[in-house]
Amino acid sequence: MIFQEGQTYEKEFCVSSDVYNGFIDVFHDKNPLHTDAAFAKNKGFESLVMHGNILNGFLSYFIGECLPTKDVIIHSQEIQFKNAVYLNDKLHFKAQVLGVYESVNAVEFKFEFRRDLTENPLLIAKGKFQIGILS
C-alpha cells in the first residue's frame, strides 16, 4: 500500500472572497453571523465568521486531489471546530496517517487546520477521516 503509518501531508489554504462568495452562491447560507459584520461583532467575533463547512470543502479537495492516488473514497470524517475563521485567513492544513488497514483497503488520518501565524499558530479545527482505497 502507498500509505504508511506516521506519514504526514501538508497544504496551505486561503479563505478568499471567491471561496466565501462561492459557498454562499451554492448553499444559500446567509446567516447573519456570516453576512453581517455588525451582527458578528455584537456576538464577540472580530468580523464576519466564515462558514465552518468551507473547511470540509478544503478537506474534500485534499483527499481527492492532494493524496498520492486518486483511487480513494471517503468512508467517514469528523471535525471539531475550535476557533473562528475570517475572510482572507491563511490556513495551514496538516494530516497524518494513523493507521493502514490493508485487509479492508482503508487508511485513517488525523488532521488539523491552524491559522497561519508565524508564532504559536492558532488551532482552528481538528479531526479524523478514513478513506477507502479503490481497486
N, C-alpha and C. Protein backbone atom coordinates (compact mmCIF):
# COMPACT_ATOMS: atom_id res chain seq x y z
N MET A 1 0.85 -1.19 0.00
CA MET A 1 0.00 0.00 0.00
C MET A 1 0.89 1.24 0.00
N ILE A 2 0.43 2.31 -0.62
CA ILE A 2 1.26 3.51 -0.76
C ILE A 2 1.30 4.37 0.49
N PHE A 3 0.44 4.08 1.45
CA PHE A 3 0.42 4.85 2.70
C PHE A 3 1.11 4.07 3.80
N GLN A 4 1.78 4.82 4.68
CA GLN A 4 2.44 4.20 5.84
C GLN A 4 2.08 4.99 7.09
N GLU A 5 1.89 4.26 8.18
CA GLU A 5 1.58 4.91 9.45
C GLU A 5 2.64 5.96 9.76
N GLY A 6 2.19 7.14 10.19
CA GLY A 6 3.09 8.22 10.55
C GLY A 6 3.37 9.21 9.44
N GLN A 7 3.10 8.85 8.19
CA GLN A 7 3.31 9.79 7.08
C GLN A 7 2.50 11.06 7.32
N THR A 8 3.08 12.20 6.95
CA THR A 8 2.34 13.45 7.07
C THR A 8 2.26 14.15 5.72
N TYR A 9 1.20 14.90 5.57
CA TYR A 9 0.94 15.69 4.37
C TYR A 9 0.53 17.09 4.82
N GLU A 10 0.95 18.10 4.08
CA GLU A 10 0.63 19.47 4.45
C GLU A 10 0.18 20.26 3.23
N LYS A 11 -0.69 21.24 3.47
CA LYS A 11 -1.23 22.07 2.39
C LYS A 11 -1.64 23.41 2.98
N GLU A 12 -1.50 24.46 2.19
CA GLU A 12 -1.94 25.79 2.60
C GLU A 12 -3.26 26.11 1.88
N PHE A 13 -4.18 26.73 2.60
CA PHE A 13 -5.44 27.17 2.04
C PHE A 13 -5.68 28.62 2.43
N CYS A 14 -6.45 29.33 1.62
CA CYS A 14 -6.83 30.70 1.94
C CYS A 14 -8.34 30.82 1.77
N VAL A 15 -8.99 31.39 2.76
CA VAL A 15 -10.43 31.62 2.69
C VAL A 15 -10.63 32.96 1.97
N SER A 16 -10.51 32.91 0.67
CA SER A 16 -10.60 34.11 -0.18
C SER A 16 -12.06 34.54 -0.35
N SER A 17 -12.25 35.72 -0.89
CA SER A 17 -13.61 36.18 -1.17
C SER A 17 -14.30 35.27 -2.19
N ASP A 18 -13.53 34.71 -3.13
CA ASP A 18 -14.11 33.77 -4.10
C ASP A 18 -14.66 32.53 -3.40
N VAL A 19 -13.91 32.00 -2.43
CA VAL A 19 -14.36 30.82 -1.68
C VAL A 19 -15.61 31.17 -0.88
N TYR A 20 -15.56 32.28 -0.17
CA TYR A 20 -16.67 32.74 0.67
C TYR A 20 -17.93 32.97 -0.18
N ASN A 21 -17.81 33.75 -1.24
CA ASN A 21 -18.97 34.04 -2.09
C ASN A 21 -19.47 32.80 -2.81
N GLY A 22 -18.54 31.93 -3.23
CA GLY A 22 -18.94 30.68 -3.88
C GLY A 22 -19.76 29.80 -2.96
N PHE A 23 -19.35 29.74 -1.69
CA PHE A 23 -20.10 28.93 -0.72
C PHE A 23 -21.52 29.47 -0.58
N ILE A 24 -21.65 30.79 -0.45
CA ILE A 24 -22.98 31.38 -0.31
C ILE A 24 -23.79 31.17 -1.58
N ASP A 25 -23.17 31.33 -2.74
CA ASP A 25 -23.89 31.14 -4.01
C ASP A 25 -24.42 29.72 -4.17
N VAL A 26 -23.64 28.75 -3.74
CA VAL A 26 -24.04 27.35 -3.91
C VAL A 26 -25.03 26.90 -2.84
N PHE A 27 -24.77 27.26 -1.59
CA PHE A 27 -25.57 26.71 -0.48
C PHE A 27 -26.59 27.68 0.11
N HIS A 28 -26.53 28.94 -0.27
CA HIS A 28 -27.51 29.95 0.15
C HIS A 28 -27.57 30.13 1.67
N ASP A 29 -26.49 29.84 2.37
CA ASP A 29 -26.44 30.04 3.82
C ASP A 29 -26.06 31.50 4.07
N LYS A 30 -27.07 32.31 4.37
CA LYS A 30 -26.86 33.75 4.59
C LYS A 30 -27.13 34.13 6.04
N ASN A 31 -26.85 33.21 6.95
CA ASN A 31 -26.99 33.50 8.37
C ASN A 31 -26.23 34.79 8.68
N PRO A 32 -26.78 35.69 9.50
CA PRO A 32 -26.11 36.97 9.75
C PRO A 32 -24.72 36.84 10.37
N LEU A 33 -24.42 35.75 11.02
CA LEU A 33 -23.07 35.56 11.55
C LEU A 33 -22.05 35.55 10.40
N HIS A 34 -22.50 35.11 9.23
CA HIS A 34 -21.64 35.00 8.06
C HIS A 34 -21.77 36.18 7.09
N THR A 35 -22.80 37.00 7.24
CA THR A 35 -23.06 38.03 6.24
C THR A 35 -23.21 39.44 6.79
N ASP A 36 -23.28 39.61 8.10
CA ASP A 36 -23.49 40.92 8.71
C ASP A 36 -22.39 41.17 9.75
N ALA A 37 -21.42 41.99 9.38
CA ALA A 37 -20.26 42.23 10.26
C ALA A 37 -20.68 42.79 11.61
N ALA A 38 -21.64 43.69 11.64
CA ALA A 38 -22.09 44.27 12.90
C ALA A 38 -22.70 43.19 13.80
N PHE A 39 -23.48 42.30 13.22
CA PHE A 39 -24.07 41.20 13.98
C PHE A 39 -22.96 40.32 14.58
N ALA A 40 -21.98 39.94 13.74
CA ALA A 40 -20.89 39.07 14.21
C ALA A 40 -20.09 39.75 15.32
N LYS A 41 -19.78 41.01 15.15
CA LYS A 41 -19.02 41.75 16.19
C LYS A 41 -19.83 41.84 17.47
N ASN A 42 -21.13 42.04 17.36
CA ASN A 42 -22.00 42.10 18.53
C ASN A 42 -22.01 40.77 19.29
N LYS A 43 -21.72 39.68 18.60
CA LYS A 43 -21.67 38.35 19.22
C LYS A 43 -20.27 38.00 19.73
N GLY A 44 -19.33 38.95 19.61
CA GLY A 44 -18.00 38.74 20.18
C GLY A 44 -16.92 38.32 19.20
N PHE A 45 -17.22 38.33 17.92
CA PHE A 45 -16.25 37.92 16.91
C PHE A 45 -15.57 39.15 16.31
N GLU A 46 -14.42 38.94 15.69
CA GLU A 46 -13.65 40.03 15.08
C GLU A 46 -14.38 40.65 13.90
N SER A 47 -15.05 39.81 13.13
CA SER A 47 -15.71 40.23 11.90
C SER A 47 -16.63 39.10 11.46
N LEU A 48 -16.99 39.10 10.18
CA LEU A 48 -17.79 38.01 9.65
C LEU A 48 -17.10 36.68 9.91
N VAL A 49 -17.84 35.70 10.38
CA VAL A 49 -17.30 34.36 10.61
C VAL A 49 -17.56 33.55 9.34
N MET A 50 -16.51 32.95 8.82
CA MET A 50 -16.66 32.12 7.63
C MET A 50 -17.40 30.84 7.99
N HIS A 51 -18.10 30.28 7.04
CA HIS A 51 -18.85 29.04 7.24
C HIS A 51 -17.89 27.91 7.60
N GLY A 52 -18.20 27.18 8.64
CA GLY A 52 -17.34 26.07 9.05
C GLY A 52 -17.19 25.01 7.97
N ASN A 53 -18.23 24.84 7.17
CA ASN A 53 -18.16 23.79 6.16
C ASN A 53 -17.27 24.14 4.98
N ILE A 54 -16.76 25.36 4.93
CA ILE A 54 -15.71 25.66 3.96
C ILE A 54 -14.51 24.76 4.24
N LEU A 55 -14.23 24.50 5.53
CA LEU A 55 -13.12 23.61 5.88
C LEU A 55 -13.36 22.20 5.37
N ASN A 56 -14.63 21.76 5.39
CA ASN A 56 -14.93 20.44 4.82
C ASN A 56 -14.66 20.42 3.33
N GLY A 57 -14.89 21.53 2.65
CA GLY A 57 -14.56 21.63 1.24
C GLY A 57 -13.06 21.51 1.01
N PHE A 58 -12.26 22.19 1.85
CA PHE A 58 -10.81 22.07 1.75
C PHE A 58 -10.37 20.63 2.01
N LEU A 59 -11.01 19.99 2.99
CA LEU A 59 -10.70 18.60 3.31
C LEU A 59 -11.01 17.70 2.12
N SER A 60 -12.15 17.90 1.49
CA SER A 60 -12.51 17.11 0.31
C SER A 60 -11.50 17.31 -0.81
N TYR A 61 -11.09 18.55 -1.03
CA TYR A 61 -10.09 18.84 -2.05
C TYR A 61 -8.78 18.10 -1.73
N PHE A 62 -8.36 18.17 -0.49
CA PHE A 62 -7.12 17.50 -0.09
C PHE A 62 -7.21 16.00 -0.38
N ILE A 63 -8.29 15.37 0.04
CA ILE A 63 -8.43 13.92 -0.14
C ILE A 63 -8.49 13.57 -1.63
N GLY A 64 -9.26 14.32 -2.38
CA GLY A 64 -9.46 13.98 -3.79
C GLY A 64 -8.34 14.40 -4.72
N GLU A 65 -7.57 15.42 -4.35
CA GLU A 65 -6.59 15.98 -5.27
C GLU A 65 -5.14 15.97 -4.79
N CYS A 66 -4.90 15.87 -3.50
CA CYS A 66 -3.53 16.04 -2.99
C CYS A 66 -2.87 14.74 -2.52
N LEU A 67 -3.64 13.73 -2.27
CA LEU A 67 -3.05 12.45 -1.86
C LEU A 67 -2.36 11.81 -3.07
N PRO A 68 -1.44 10.87 -2.82
CA PRO A 68 -0.67 10.29 -3.93
C PRO A 68 -1.44 9.33 -4.83
N THR A 69 -2.74 9.19 -4.63
CA THR A 69 -3.57 8.38 -5.51
C THR A 69 -4.95 9.02 -5.62
N LYS A 70 -5.57 8.86 -6.76
CA LYS A 70 -6.94 9.34 -6.96
C LYS A 70 -7.95 8.23 -6.69
N ASP A 71 -7.45 7.03 -6.43
CA ASP A 71 -8.32 5.86 -6.20
C ASP A 71 -8.80 5.82 -4.75
N VAL A 72 -9.51 6.86 -4.33
CA VAL A 72 -9.95 6.96 -2.94
C VAL A 72 -11.42 7.34 -2.86
N ILE A 73 -12.01 6.97 -1.75
CA ILE A 73 -13.37 7.36 -1.42
C ILE A 73 -13.41 7.62 0.08
N ILE A 74 -14.16 8.63 0.49
CA ILE A 74 -14.25 8.94 1.92
C ILE A 74 -15.23 7.96 2.56
N HIS A 75 -14.77 7.28 3.61
CA HIS A 75 -15.65 6.41 4.40
C HIS A 75 -16.32 7.20 5.52
N SER A 76 -15.52 8.02 6.20
CA SER A 76 -16.06 8.80 7.33
C SER A 76 -15.16 9.99 7.60
N GLN A 77 -15.75 10.97 8.26
CA GLN A 77 -14.94 12.11 8.69
C GLN A 77 -15.62 12.75 9.89
N GLU A 78 -14.81 13.33 10.75
CA GLU A 78 -15.32 14.10 11.88
C GLU A 78 -14.45 15.33 12.01
N ILE A 79 -15.07 16.41 12.44
CA ILE A 79 -14.33 17.66 12.59
C ILE A 79 -14.83 18.38 13.84
N GLN A 80 -13.90 18.92 14.58
CA GLN A 80 -14.22 19.73 15.76
C GLN A 80 -13.72 21.14 15.49
N PHE A 81 -14.63 22.11 15.56
CA PHE A 81 -14.27 23.50 15.32
C PHE A 81 -13.84 24.13 16.65
N LYS A 82 -12.65 24.73 16.66
CA LYS A 82 -12.09 25.28 17.89
C LYS A 82 -12.08 26.80 17.93
N ASN A 83 -11.87 27.43 16.77
CA ASN A 83 -11.83 28.89 16.68
C ASN A 83 -12.41 29.33 15.35
N ALA A 84 -12.88 30.57 15.31
CA ALA A 84 -13.49 31.11 14.10
C ALA A 84 -12.46 31.34 13.01
N VAL A 85 -12.94 31.29 11.78
CA VAL A 85 -12.14 31.60 10.59
C VAL A 85 -12.74 32.87 9.99
N TYR A 86 -11.84 33.76 9.54
CA TYR A 86 -12.26 35.03 8.97
C TYR A 86 -11.82 35.15 7.52
N LEU A 87 -12.46 36.05 6.79
CA LEU A 87 -12.14 36.28 5.40
C LEU A 87 -10.65 36.56 5.23
N ASN A 88 -10.06 35.95 4.24
CA ASN A 88 -8.64 36.06 3.89
C ASN A 88 -7.68 35.39 4.87
N ASP A 89 -8.22 34.62 5.83
CA ASP A 89 -7.33 33.84 6.69
C ASP A 89 -6.56 32.84 5.85
N LYS A 90 -5.29 32.72 6.15
CA LYS A 90 -4.45 31.68 5.55
C LYS A 90 -4.39 30.54 6.55
N LEU A 91 -4.73 29.35 6.09
CA LEU A 91 -4.80 28.19 6.96
C LEU A 91 -3.76 27.16 6.56
N HIS A 92 -3.09 26.63 7.56
CA HIS A 92 -2.13 25.55 7.34
C HIS A 92 -2.84 24.24 7.72
N PHE A 93 -2.92 23.34 6.75
CA PHE A 93 -3.57 22.04 6.95
C PHE A 93 -2.49 20.97 7.07
N LYS A 94 -2.63 20.11 8.05
CA LYS A 94 -1.69 19.01 8.22
C LYS A 94 -2.48 17.74 8.52
N ALA A 95 -2.17 16.67 7.79
CA ALA A 95 -2.80 15.37 8.00
C ALA A 95 -1.72 14.33 8.23
N GLN A 96 -2.00 13.40 9.13
CA GLN A 96 -1.04 12.34 9.44
C GLN A 96 -1.77 11.00 9.42
N VAL A 97 -1.12 10.00 8.81
CA VAL A 97 -1.69 8.66 8.75
C VAL A 97 -1.64 8.03 10.15
N LEU A 98 -2.81 7.66 10.65
CA LEU A 98 -2.90 6.99 11.96
C LEU A 98 -2.84 5.48 11.83
N GLY A 99 -3.44 4.97 10.77
CA GLY A 99 -3.47 3.52 10.61
C GLY A 99 -3.71 3.13 9.17
N VAL A 100 -3.12 2.03 8.77
CA VAL A 100 -3.29 1.46 7.44
C VAL A 100 -3.89 0.07 7.62
N TYR A 101 -5.03 -0.18 7.03
CA TYR A 101 -5.75 -1.44 7.21
C TYR A 101 -5.88 -2.12 5.85
N GLU A 102 -4.83 -2.84 5.48
CA GLU A 102 -4.76 -3.44 4.15
C GLU A 102 -5.86 -4.48 3.93
N SER A 103 -6.28 -5.17 4.97
CA SER A 103 -7.30 -6.22 4.80
C SER A 103 -8.62 -5.67 4.28
N VAL A 104 -8.88 -4.38 4.55
CA VAL A 104 -10.12 -3.75 4.08
C VAL A 104 -9.83 -2.53 3.19
N ASN A 105 -8.58 -2.39 2.77
CA ASN A 105 -8.16 -1.28 1.90
C ASN A 105 -8.58 0.09 2.44
N ALA A 106 -8.28 0.33 3.72
CA ALA A 106 -8.67 1.59 4.35
C ALA A 106 -7.46 2.24 5.02
N VAL A 107 -7.51 3.57 5.10
CA VAL A 107 -6.46 4.35 5.76
C VAL A 107 -7.15 5.39 6.62
N GLU A 108 -6.68 5.52 7.86
CA GLU A 108 -7.23 6.50 8.78
C GLU A 108 -6.21 7.61 9.00
N PHE A 109 -6.69 8.86 9.02
CA PHE A 109 -5.85 10.04 9.21
C PHE A 109 -6.39 10.87 10.37
N LYS A 110 -5.50 11.61 11.01
CA LYS A 110 -5.92 12.72 11.86
C LYS A 110 -5.47 13.98 11.14
N PHE A 111 -6.17 15.09 11.39
CA PHE A 111 -5.82 16.33 10.71
C PHE A 111 -6.08 17.52 11.60
N GLU A 112 -5.50 18.64 11.18
CA GLU A 112 -5.77 19.90 11.86
C GLU A 112 -5.61 21.05 10.88
N PHE A 113 -6.36 22.10 11.14
CA PHE A 113 -6.20 23.38 10.46
C PHE A 113 -5.71 24.37 11.50
N ARG A 114 -4.67 25.12 11.18
CA ARG A 114 -4.18 26.18 12.06
C ARG A 114 -4.12 27.47 11.28
N ARG A 115 -4.46 28.56 11.96
CA ARG A 115 -4.31 29.87 11.33
C ARG A 115 -2.84 30.12 11.15
N ASP A 116 -2.46 30.56 9.97
CA ASP A 116 -1.06 30.71 9.59
C ASP A 116 -0.44 31.95 10.24
N LEU A 117 -0.13 31.82 11.50
CA LEU A 117 0.57 32.87 12.23
C LEU A 117 2.01 32.43 12.41
N THR A 118 2.94 33.36 12.40
CA THR A 118 4.35 32.97 12.47
C THR A 118 4.72 32.37 13.82
N GLU A 119 4.14 32.88 14.89
CA GLU A 119 4.43 32.31 16.22
C GLU A 119 3.14 31.77 16.82
N ASN A 120 3.22 30.58 17.39
CA ASN A 120 2.09 29.96 18.09
C ASN A 120 0.81 29.95 17.24
N PRO A 121 0.81 29.20 16.13
CA PRO A 121 -0.37 29.16 15.26
C PRO A 121 -1.62 28.70 16.01
N LEU A 122 -2.72 29.37 15.77
CA LEU A 122 -3.97 29.10 16.46
C LEU A 122 -4.68 27.90 15.85
N LEU A 123 -5.05 26.93 16.69
CA LEU A 123 -5.80 25.77 16.22
C LEU A 123 -7.21 26.21 15.84
N ILE A 124 -7.58 25.97 14.60
CA ILE A 124 -8.90 26.33 14.09
C ILE A 124 -9.85 25.14 14.16
N ALA A 125 -9.38 23.98 13.73
CA ALA A 125 -10.21 22.78 13.72
C ALA A 125 -9.30 21.56 13.68
N LYS A 126 -9.84 20.45 14.16
CA LYS A 126 -9.11 19.19 14.10
C LYS A 126 -10.11 18.07 13.93
N GLY A 127 -9.60 16.90 13.54
CA GLY A 127 -10.50 15.78 13.38
C GLY A 127 -9.79 14.57 12.82
N LYS A 128 -10.62 13.66 12.32
CA LYS A 128 -10.14 12.41 11.71
C LYS A 128 -10.96 12.14 10.46
N PHE A 129 -10.36 11.41 9.55
CA PHE A 129 -11.13 10.89 8.42
C PHE A 129 -10.56 9.53 8.04
N GLN A 130 -11.40 8.73 7.44
CA GLN A 130 -10.98 7.43 6.93
C GLN A 130 -11.34 7.36 5.46
N ILE A 131 -10.39 6.89 4.68
CA ILE A 131 -10.63 6.71 3.25
C ILE A 131 -10.52 5.23 2.89
N GLY A 132 -11.20 4.88 1.83
CA GLY A 132 -11.04 3.56 1.25
C GLY A 132 -10.21 3.70 -0.01
N ILE A 133 -9.37 2.72 -0.25
CA ILE A 133 -8.58 2.68 -1.48
C ILE A 133 -9.33 1.80 -2.48
N LEU A 134 -9.72 2.40 -3.60
CA LEU A 134 -10.50 1.68 -4.61
C LEU A 134 -9.56 0.79 -5.44
N SER A 135 -10.03 -0.40 -5.76
CA SER A 135 -9.20 -1.30 -6.58
C SER A 135 -9.60 -1.24 -8.03
